[in-house]
Amino acid sequence: ECTFTSEPLAPSASYVSISGRVIDPSGVGIKNAVVNLVGSDGIVRSARTSTFGYFRAEDVEVGQTYVVMAVHKRYSFTTMVVAPLDEITDLDIIALE
């Protein structure tokens, strides 16, 4: 006699990072901008840009949809939507003129 035990499979979420630059219209990095990723679950992940405008947001769940918003006191930006399936390393957020 064979006995099989069946345990439900736990969902295994996969996480990646999203990185890129926040730049002005001429391509110069904007320091101290805040990049917010708002997930469909309502959780907000934030990253602040470096001196040259680079940012990196960690623990971004694969397959979720995120609204990406950059905030800076001198610039305004267009809101973007991303749904990462893998790491995103080149997300450029360009300030409006």
N, C-alpha and C. Protein backbone atom coordinates (compact mmCIF):
# COMPACT_ATOMS: atom_id res chain seq x y z
N GLU A 1 0.85 -1.18 0.00
CA GLU A 1 0.00 0.00 0.00
C GLU A 1 0.89 1.24 0.00
N CYS A 2 0.59 2.19 -0.88
CA CYS A 2 1.31 3.46 -0.94
C CYS A 2 0.43 4.55 -0.36
N THR A 3 1.04 5.39 0.41
CA THR A 3 0.32 6.53 0.96
C THR A 3 1.03 7.80 0.52
N PHE A 4 0.28 8.68 -0.07
CA PHE A 4 0.83 9.96 -0.49
C PHE A 4 0.27 11.05 0.40
N THR A 5 1.12 11.91 0.82
CA THR A 5 0.63 13.07 1.56
C THR A 5 0.68 14.26 0.62
N SER A 6 -0.31 15.05 0.69
CA SER A 6 -0.40 16.20 -0.19
C SER A 6 -0.45 17.47 0.66
N GLU A 7 0.53 18.29 0.48
CA GLU A 7 0.52 19.57 1.16
C GLU A 7 0.34 20.65 0.11
N PRO A 8 -0.46 21.64 0.40
CA PRO A 8 -0.63 22.72 -0.59
C PRO A 8 0.70 23.43 -0.82
N LEU A 9 0.93 23.77 -2.05
CA LEU A 9 2.16 24.50 -2.39
C LEU A 9 2.01 25.95 -1.94
N ALA A 10 2.98 26.39 -1.22
CA ALA A 10 2.97 27.80 -0.78
C ALA A 10 3.33 28.68 -1.97
N PRO A 11 2.64 29.78 -2.12
CA PRO A 11 3.01 30.67 -3.22
C PRO A 11 4.42 31.19 -3.00
N SER A 12 5.19 31.18 -4.04
CA SER A 12 6.55 31.68 -3.90
C SER A 12 6.70 32.92 -4.76
N ALA A 13 6.71 34.05 -4.12
CA ALA A 13 6.85 35.31 -4.84
C ALA A 13 8.31 35.50 -5.18
N SER A 14 8.53 36.04 -6.35
CA SER A 14 9.89 36.33 -6.78
C SER A 14 10.05 37.86 -6.76
N TYR A 15 11.22 38.31 -6.32
CA TYR A 15 11.45 39.74 -6.18
C TYR A 15 12.66 40.17 -7.00
N VAL A 16 12.59 41.36 -7.54
CA VAL A 16 13.66 41.94 -8.33
C VAL A 16 13.90 43.37 -7.88
N SER A 17 14.83 44.03 -8.51
CA SER A 17 15.03 45.45 -8.25
C SER A 17 14.79 46.23 -9.53
N ILE A 18 14.45 47.49 -9.35
CA ILE A 18 14.27 48.41 -10.48
C ILE A 18 15.24 49.55 -10.24
N SER A 19 16.06 49.83 -11.24
CA SER A 19 17.02 50.92 -11.10
C SER A 19 17.08 51.72 -12.40
N GLY A 20 17.62 52.91 -12.28
CA GLY A 20 17.74 53.79 -13.44
C GLY A 20 18.22 55.15 -13.00
N ARG A 21 17.81 56.16 -13.78
CA ARG A 21 18.22 57.54 -13.48
C ARG A 21 17.05 58.48 -13.60
N VAL A 22 17.12 59.53 -12.81
CA VAL A 22 16.20 60.66 -12.95
C VAL A 22 17.05 61.78 -13.53
N ILE A 23 16.63 62.29 -14.70
CA ILE A 23 17.44 63.28 -15.41
C ILE A 23 16.60 64.47 -15.84
N ASP A 24 17.30 65.60 -16.05
CA ASP A 24 16.62 66.78 -16.57
C ASP A 24 16.53 66.65 -18.10
N PRO A 25 15.82 67.56 -18.77
CA PRO A 25 15.65 67.43 -20.22
C PRO A 25 16.97 67.40 -21.01
N SER A 26 18.06 67.93 -20.45
CA SER A 26 19.33 67.91 -21.17
C SER A 26 20.16 66.66 -20.85
N GLY A 27 19.63 65.77 -19.99
CA GLY A 27 20.31 64.52 -19.69
C GLY A 27 21.18 64.53 -18.45
N VAL A 28 21.14 65.62 -17.68
CA VAL A 28 21.94 65.73 -16.45
C VAL A 28 21.16 65.09 -15.30
N GLY A 29 21.84 64.27 -14.51
CA GLY A 29 21.20 63.61 -13.38
C GLY A 29 20.68 64.59 -12.34
N ILE A 30 19.53 64.28 -11.76
CA ILE A 30 18.92 65.12 -10.74
C ILE A 30 19.11 64.43 -9.39
N LYS A 31 19.85 65.09 -8.49
CA LYS A 31 20.09 64.49 -7.17
C LYS A 31 18.94 64.80 -6.22
N ASN A 32 18.78 63.93 -5.25
CA ASN A 32 17.78 64.06 -4.19
C ASN A 32 16.33 64.06 -4.67
N ALA A 33 16.08 63.46 -5.82
CA ALA A 33 14.69 63.22 -6.22
C ALA A 33 14.25 61.95 -5.50
N VAL A 34 12.97 61.84 -5.23
CA VAL A 34 12.43 60.62 -4.62
C VAL A 34 11.62 59.89 -5.68
N VAL A 35 11.94 58.62 -5.88
CA VAL A 35 11.21 57.78 -6.82
C VAL A 35 10.33 56.86 -5.99
N ASN A 36 9.01 56.96 -6.20
CA ASN A 36 8.05 56.11 -5.50
C ASN A 36 7.48 55.09 -6.46
N LEU A 37 7.46 53.83 -6.03
CA LEU A 37 6.81 52.76 -6.77
C LEU A 37 5.61 52.34 -5.94
N VAL A 38 4.41 52.55 -6.48
CA VAL A 38 3.20 52.20 -5.76
C VAL A 38 2.66 50.93 -6.39
N GLY A 39 2.66 49.84 -5.62
CA GLY A 39 2.21 48.55 -6.12
C GLY A 39 0.70 48.45 -6.13
N SER A 40 0.20 47.47 -6.89
CA SER A 40 -1.24 47.23 -6.93
C SER A 40 -1.75 46.78 -5.56
N ASP A 41 -0.84 46.37 -4.68
CA ASP A 41 -1.20 46.00 -3.31
C ASP A 41 -1.24 47.22 -2.38
N GLY A 42 -0.91 48.40 -2.92
CA GLY A 42 -0.94 49.63 -2.13
C GLY A 42 0.35 49.94 -1.40
N ILE A 43 1.30 49.02 -1.44
CA ILE A 43 2.57 49.23 -0.75
C ILE A 43 3.44 50.18 -1.58
N VAL A 44 4.05 51.15 -0.92
CA VAL A 44 4.91 52.12 -1.60
C VAL A 44 6.36 51.80 -1.28
N ARG A 45 7.16 51.69 -2.33
CA ARG A 45 8.61 51.53 -2.17
C ARG A 45 9.24 52.82 -2.66
N SER A 46 10.17 53.37 -1.89
CA SER A 46 10.78 54.64 -2.24
C SER A 46 12.28 54.52 -2.33
N ALA A 47 12.85 55.30 -3.24
CA ALA A 47 14.30 55.37 -3.39
C ALA A 47 14.67 56.82 -3.67
N ARG A 48 15.75 57.28 -3.08
CA ARG A 48 16.24 58.65 -3.32
C ARG A 48 17.40 58.58 -4.30
N THR A 49 17.46 59.55 -5.21
CA THR A 49 18.53 59.55 -6.21
C THR A 49 19.85 60.02 -5.62
N SER A 50 20.91 59.52 -6.21
CA SER A 50 22.27 59.88 -5.81
C SER A 50 22.66 61.22 -6.46
N THR A 51 23.89 61.61 -6.24
CA THR A 51 24.41 62.86 -6.80
C THR A 51 24.23 62.94 -8.31
N PHE A 52 24.35 61.80 -9.00
CA PHE A 52 24.25 61.79 -10.47
C PHE A 52 22.89 61.30 -10.96
N GLY A 53 21.91 61.23 -10.06
CA GLY A 53 20.54 60.91 -10.45
C GLY A 53 20.18 59.43 -10.46
N TYR A 54 21.08 58.57 -10.01
CA TYR A 54 20.79 57.14 -10.02
C TYR A 54 19.93 56.73 -8.83
N PHE A 55 19.05 55.75 -9.06
CA PHE A 55 18.22 55.21 -7.98
C PHE A 55 18.12 53.70 -8.13
N ARG A 56 17.73 53.05 -7.05
CA ARG A 56 17.51 51.60 -7.06
C ARG A 56 16.44 51.27 -6.02
N ALA A 57 15.37 50.61 -6.46
CA ALA A 57 14.31 50.17 -5.56
C ALA A 57 14.38 48.64 -5.46
N GLU A 58 14.42 48.16 -4.24
CA GLU A 58 14.56 46.72 -3.97
C GLU A 58 13.20 46.09 -3.64
N ASP A 59 13.18 44.76 -3.63
CA ASP A 59 12.01 43.98 -3.20
C ASP A 59 10.75 44.31 -3.99
N VAL A 60 10.91 44.41 -5.30
CA VAL A 60 9.79 44.66 -6.19
C VAL A 60 9.29 43.30 -6.68
N GLU A 61 8.03 43.02 -6.42
CA GLU A 61 7.50 41.70 -6.74
C GLU A 61 7.25 41.55 -8.24
N VAL A 62 7.74 40.46 -8.80
CA VAL A 62 7.57 40.15 -10.22
C VAL A 62 6.09 39.92 -10.50
N GLY A 63 5.64 40.43 -11.65
CA GLY A 63 4.26 40.20 -12.07
C GLY A 63 3.26 41.21 -11.55
N GLN A 64 3.65 42.04 -10.61
CA GLN A 64 2.76 43.09 -10.11
C GLN A 64 2.88 44.31 -11.02
N THR A 65 1.88 45.15 -10.97
CA THR A 65 1.93 46.41 -11.71
C THR A 65 2.24 47.53 -10.73
N TYR A 66 3.16 48.40 -11.13
CA TYR A 66 3.60 49.50 -10.28
C TYR A 66 3.45 50.83 -11.00
N VAL A 67 2.96 51.83 -10.27
CA VAL A 67 2.94 53.19 -10.78
C VAL A 67 4.22 53.83 -10.26
N VAL A 68 5.01 54.40 -11.18
CA VAL A 68 6.29 55.01 -10.83
C VAL A 68 6.15 56.52 -10.91
N MET A 69 6.47 57.19 -9.80
CA MET A 69 6.36 58.64 -9.74
C MET A 69 7.65 59.21 -9.15
N ALA A 70 8.22 60.17 -9.82
CA ALA A 70 9.39 60.87 -9.28
C ALA A 70 8.91 62.21 -8.73
N VAL A 71 9.53 62.62 -7.62
CA VAL A 71 9.16 63.88 -6.96
C VAL A 71 10.44 64.66 -6.68
N HIS A 72 10.41 65.94 -7.05
CA HIS A 72 11.54 66.83 -6.77
C HIS A 72 10.99 68.24 -6.66
N LYS A 73 11.60 69.07 -5.83
CA LYS A 73 11.06 70.41 -5.59
C LYS A 73 11.16 71.33 -6.81
N ARG A 74 12.10 71.07 -7.73
CA ARG A 74 12.27 71.96 -8.89
C ARG A 74 11.73 71.41 -10.20
N TYR A 75 11.41 70.13 -10.25
CA TYR A 75 11.01 69.51 -11.51
C TYR A 75 9.69 68.77 -11.36
N SER A 76 9.02 68.59 -12.50
CA SER A 76 7.83 67.73 -12.53
C SER A 76 8.08 66.62 -13.54
N PHE A 77 7.36 65.52 -13.38
CA PHE A 77 7.61 64.32 -14.16
C PHE A 77 6.29 63.68 -14.58
N THR A 78 6.34 62.92 -15.64
CA THR A 78 5.20 62.13 -16.08
C THR A 78 5.20 60.83 -15.26
N THR A 79 4.02 60.39 -14.87
CA THR A 79 3.88 59.12 -14.15
C THR A 79 4.00 57.98 -15.15
N MET A 80 4.67 56.90 -14.73
CA MET A 80 4.85 55.73 -15.59
C MET A 80 4.22 54.51 -14.92
N VAL A 81 3.95 53.49 -15.72
CA VAL A 81 3.47 52.21 -15.20
C VAL A 81 4.41 51.13 -15.69
N VAL A 82 4.88 50.27 -14.77
CA VAL A 82 5.75 49.15 -15.13
C VAL A 82 5.20 47.88 -14.50
N ALA A 83 5.45 46.76 -15.17
CA ALA A 83 5.08 45.44 -14.65
C ALA A 83 6.28 44.53 -14.88
N PRO A 84 7.25 44.55 -13.96
CA PRO A 84 8.51 43.83 -14.20
C PRO A 84 8.35 42.31 -14.20
N LEU A 85 9.01 41.69 -15.16
CA LEU A 85 9.12 40.23 -15.20
C LEU A 85 10.53 39.81 -14.83
N ASP A 86 11.43 40.79 -14.80
CA ASP A 86 12.83 40.57 -14.46
C ASP A 86 13.38 41.90 -13.96
N GLU A 87 14.66 41.91 -13.60
CA GLU A 87 15.29 43.16 -13.16
C GLU A 87 15.14 44.23 -14.24
N ILE A 88 14.90 45.45 -13.81
CA ILE A 88 14.91 46.59 -14.73
C ILE A 88 16.08 47.45 -14.29
N THR A 89 17.04 47.67 -15.20
CA THR A 89 18.26 48.39 -14.82
C THR A 89 18.43 49.72 -15.55
N ASP A 90 17.51 50.05 -16.43
CA ASP A 90 17.70 51.24 -17.26
C ASP A 90 16.45 52.10 -17.35
N LEU A 91 15.73 52.23 -16.26
CA LEU A 91 14.50 53.02 -16.26
C LEU A 91 14.87 54.50 -16.10
N ASP A 92 14.79 55.25 -17.18
CA ASP A 92 15.10 56.68 -17.13
C ASP A 92 13.79 57.46 -16.94
N ILE A 93 13.82 58.34 -15.97
CA ILE A 93 12.69 59.22 -15.69
C ILE A 93 13.16 60.63 -16.03
N ILE A 94 12.56 61.21 -17.07
CA ILE A 94 13.03 62.49 -17.59
C ILE A 94 12.08 63.61 -17.15
N ALA A 95 12.66 64.65 -16.59
CA ALA A 95 11.87 65.80 -16.14
C ALA A 95 11.22 66.48 -17.33
N LEU A 96 10.03 67.05 -17.11
CA LEU A 96 9.36 67.83 -18.14
C LEU A 96 10.02 69.20 -18.23
N GLU A 97 9.94 69.80 -19.39
CA GLU A 97 10.56 71.13 -19.56
C GLU A 97 9.70 72.20 -18.95
